[in-house]
Amino acid sequence: DAFAALNTLGKKKEQFDIVYIDPPYAASAEKSLIPTLLSQLETQNLIKEKAIVFIEEGAPSQLKPNELHLSTLRLMNSRQFSQSILHQFRKG
């Protein structure tokens, strides 16, 4: 699953400039995976300084920016495209 893959990449000390995450809409409608995925990107140190992270979810958005407890990632933008919302985060 995605969390196991992030753990493996973290153990290999991999880092990325651009990350695109598209979790299943049904899962994000029930309980958003976005906060956990973003947190794991940070704790596993998988993103380089100034990296961009895109996360897609179904509309309406389940993301609550004030409930995110992130230390290095900042929400830069959110845009709706038909039945999808694309969030853009940046490190730094």
C-alpha atoms as a PDB file:
ATOM      1  CA  ASP A   1       0.000   0.000   0.000  1.00  0.00           C
ATOM      2  CA  ALA A   2       0.994   3.661  -0.195  1.00  0.00           C
ATOM      3  CA  PHE A   3       2.162   3.888   3.414  1.00  0.00           C
ATOM      4  CA  ALA A   4       4.440   0.863   3.056  1.00  0.00           C
ATOM      5  CA  ALA A   5       5.887   2.369  -0.129  1.00  0.00           C
ATOM      6  CA  LEU A   6       6.586   5.677   1.650  1.00  0.00           C
ATOM      7  CA  ASN A   7       8.329   3.796   4.467  1.00  0.00           C
ATOM      8  CA  THR A   8      10.485   1.903   1.970  1.00  0.00           C
ATOM      9  CA  LEU A   9      11.415   5.100   0.123  1.00  0.00           C
ATOM     10  CA  GLY A  10      12.267   6.766   3.437  1.00  0.00           C
ATOM     11  CA  LYS A  11      14.571   3.912   4.429  1.00  0.00           C
ATOM     12  CA  LYS A  12      16.345   4.286   1.076  1.00  0.00           C
ATOM     13  CA  LYS A  13      16.769   8.043   1.772  1.00  0.00           C
ATOM     14  CA  GLU A  14      14.952   8.899  -1.474  1.00  0.00           C
ATOM     15  CA  GLN A  15      13.899  12.530  -1.997  1.00  0.00           C
ATOM     16  CA  PHE A  16      11.698  14.081  -4.658  1.00  0.00           C
ATOM     17  CA  ASP A  17      11.149  17.498  -6.249  1.00  0.00           C
ATOM     18  CA  ILE A  18       7.585  16.780  -7.365  1.00  0.00           C
ATOM     19  CA  VAL A  19       5.069  14.398  -5.781  1.00  0.00           C
ATOM     20  CA  TYR A  20       1.605  13.666  -7.171  1.00  0.00           C
ATOM     21  CA  ILE A  21      -0.798  11.754  -4.934  1.00  0.00           C
ATOM     22  CA  ASP A  22      -4.193  10.547  -6.144  1.00  0.00           C
ATOM     23  CA  PRO A  23      -5.782   8.449  -3.368  1.00  0.00           C
ATOM     24  CA  PRO A  24      -9.042   6.611  -4.114  1.00  0.00           C
ATOM     25  CA  TYR A  25     -11.949   9.046  -3.895  1.00  0.00           C
ATOM     26  CA  ALA A  26     -14.067   6.574  -1.910  1.00  0.00           C
ATOM     27  CA  ALA A  27     -11.384   6.377   0.770  1.00  0.00           C
ATOM     28  CA  SER A  28     -11.002  10.136   0.951  1.00  0.00           C
ATOM     29  CA  ALA A  29     -14.780  10.631   1.177  1.00  0.00           C
ATOM     30  CA  GLU A  30     -14.945   8.399   4.252  1.00  0.00           C
ATOM     31  CA  LYS A  31     -11.868   9.624   6.057  1.00  0.00           C
ATOM     32  CA  SER A  32      -9.333  11.766   4.316  1.00  0.00           C
ATOM     33  CA  LEU A  33      -5.966  10.106   3.791  1.00  0.00           C
ATOM     34  CA  ILE A  34      -4.422  13.460   2.909  1.00  0.00           C
ATOM     35  CA  PRO A  35      -3.245  14.544   6.400  1.00  0.00           C
ATOM     36  CA  THR A  36      -1.609  11.170   7.040  1.00  0.00           C
ATOM     37  CA  LEU A  37       0.082  11.081   3.620  1.00  0.00           C
ATOM     38  CA  LEU A  38       1.432  14.624   3.999  1.00  0.00           C
ATOM     39  CA  SER A  39       2.660  13.903   7.505  1.00  0.00           C
ATOM     40  CA  GLN A  40       4.449  10.781   6.341  1.00  0.00           C
ATOM     41  CA  LEU A  41       6.122  12.688   3.488  1.00  0.00           C
ATOM     42  CA  GLU A  42       7.509  15.059   6.109  1.00  0.00           C
ATOM     43  CA  THR A  43       8.528  12.524   8.758  1.00  0.00           C
ATOM     44  CA  GLN A  44      10.211  10.248   6.193  1.00  0.00           C
ATOM     45  CA  ASN A  45      12.026  13.322   4.756  1.00  0.00           C
ATOM     46  CA  LEU A  46      10.939  12.346   1.241  1.00  0.00           C
ATOM     47  CA  ILE A  47      10.692  15.805  -0.269  1.00  0.00           C
ATOM     48  CA  LYS A  48      13.465  18.185  -1.158  1.00  0.00           C
ATOM     49  CA  GLU A  49      13.515  21.851  -0.158  1.00  0.00           C
ATOM     50  CA  LYS A  50      11.103  23.852  -2.365  1.00  0.00           C
ATOM     51  CA  ALA A  51       9.469  20.612  -3.580  1.00  0.00           C
ATOM     52  CA  ILE A  52       5.886  20.711  -4.807  1.00  0.00           C
ATOM     53  CA  VAL A  53       3.299  18.166  -3.688  1.00  0.00           C
ATOM     54  CA  PHE A  54       0.022  17.787  -5.563  1.00  0.00           C
ATOM     55  CA  ILE A  55      -2.853  15.869  -4.003  1.00  0.00           C
ATOM     56  CA  GLU A  56      -6.096  15.151  -5.791  1.00  0.00           C
ATOM     57  CA  GLU A  57      -9.417  14.386  -4.120  1.00  0.00           C
ATOM     58  CA  GLY A  58     -13.077  14.256  -5.009  1.00  0.00           C
ATOM     59  CA  ALA A  59     -15.319  17.278  -4.589  1.00  0.00           C
ATOM     60  CA  PRO A  60     -16.445  18.480  -2.145  1.00  0.00           C
ATOM     61  CA  SER A  61     -13.099  18.728  -0.408  1.00  0.00           C
ATOM     62  CA  GLN A  62     -12.569  16.881   2.873  1.00  0.00           C
ATOM     63  CA  LEU A  63      -9.322  18.760   3.533  1.00  0.00           C
ATOM     64  CA  LYS A  64      -9.357  21.076   6.537  1.00  0.00           C
ATOM     65  CA  PRO A  65      -6.158  23.169   6.329  1.00  0.00           C
ATOM     66  CA  ASN A  66      -6.485  24.407   9.911  1.00  0.00           C
ATOM     67  CA  GLU A  67      -6.397  20.776  11.113  1.00  0.00           C
ATOM     68  CA  LEU A  68      -3.169  19.921   9.290  1.00  0.00           C
ATOM     69  CA  HIS A  69      -0.202  19.726  11.630  1.00  0.00           C
ATOM     70  CA  LEU A  70       2.640  20.113   9.173  1.00  0.00           C
ATOM     71  CA  SER A  71       6.034  21.572   9.936  1.00  0.00           C
ATOM     72  CA  THR A  72       7.503  22.155   6.465  1.00  0.00           C
ATOM     73  CA  LEU A  73       4.662  21.870   3.947  1.00  0.00           C
ATOM     74  CA  ARG A  74       2.367  24.795   3.216  1.00  0.00           C
ATOM     75  CA  LEU A  75      -0.888  24.764   1.250  1.00  0.00           C
ATOM     76  CA  MET A  76      -0.338  27.102  -1.679  1.00  0.00           C
ATOM     77  CA  ASN A  77      -3.447  26.576  -3.776  1.00  0.00           C
ATOM     78  CA  SER A  78      -6.586  24.492  -4.216  1.00  0.00           C
ATOM     79  CA  ARG A  79      -8.540  24.347  -7.468  1.00  0.00           C
ATOM     80  CA  GLN A  80     -11.651  22.477  -8.511  1.00  0.00           C
ATOM     81  CA  PHE A  81     -11.802  20.751 -11.894  1.00  0.00           C
ATOM     82  CA  SER A  82     -15.238  19.269 -12.475  1.00  0.00           C
ATOM     83  CA  GLN A  83     -15.637  16.599  -9.740  1.00  0.00           C
ATOM     84  CA  SER A  84     -11.989  16.768  -8.583  1.00  0.00           C
ATOM     85  CA  ILE A  85     -10.007  19.138  -6.409  1.00  0.00           C
ATOM     86  CA  LEU A  86      -6.261  19.543  -6.784  1.00  0.00           C
ATOM     87  CA  HIS A  87      -4.306  20.851  -3.776  1.00  0.00           C
ATOM     88  CA  GLN A  88      -0.804  22.221  -4.186  1.00  0.00           C
ATOM     89  CA  PHE A  89       1.650  22.208  -1.273  1.00  0.00           C
ATOM     90  CA  ARG A  90       5.216  23.493  -1.181  1.00  0.00           C
ATOM     91  CA  LYS A  91       8.038  22.663   1.178  1.00  0.00           C
ATOM     92  CA  GLY A  92       9.877  25.574   2.702  1.00  0.00           C
END
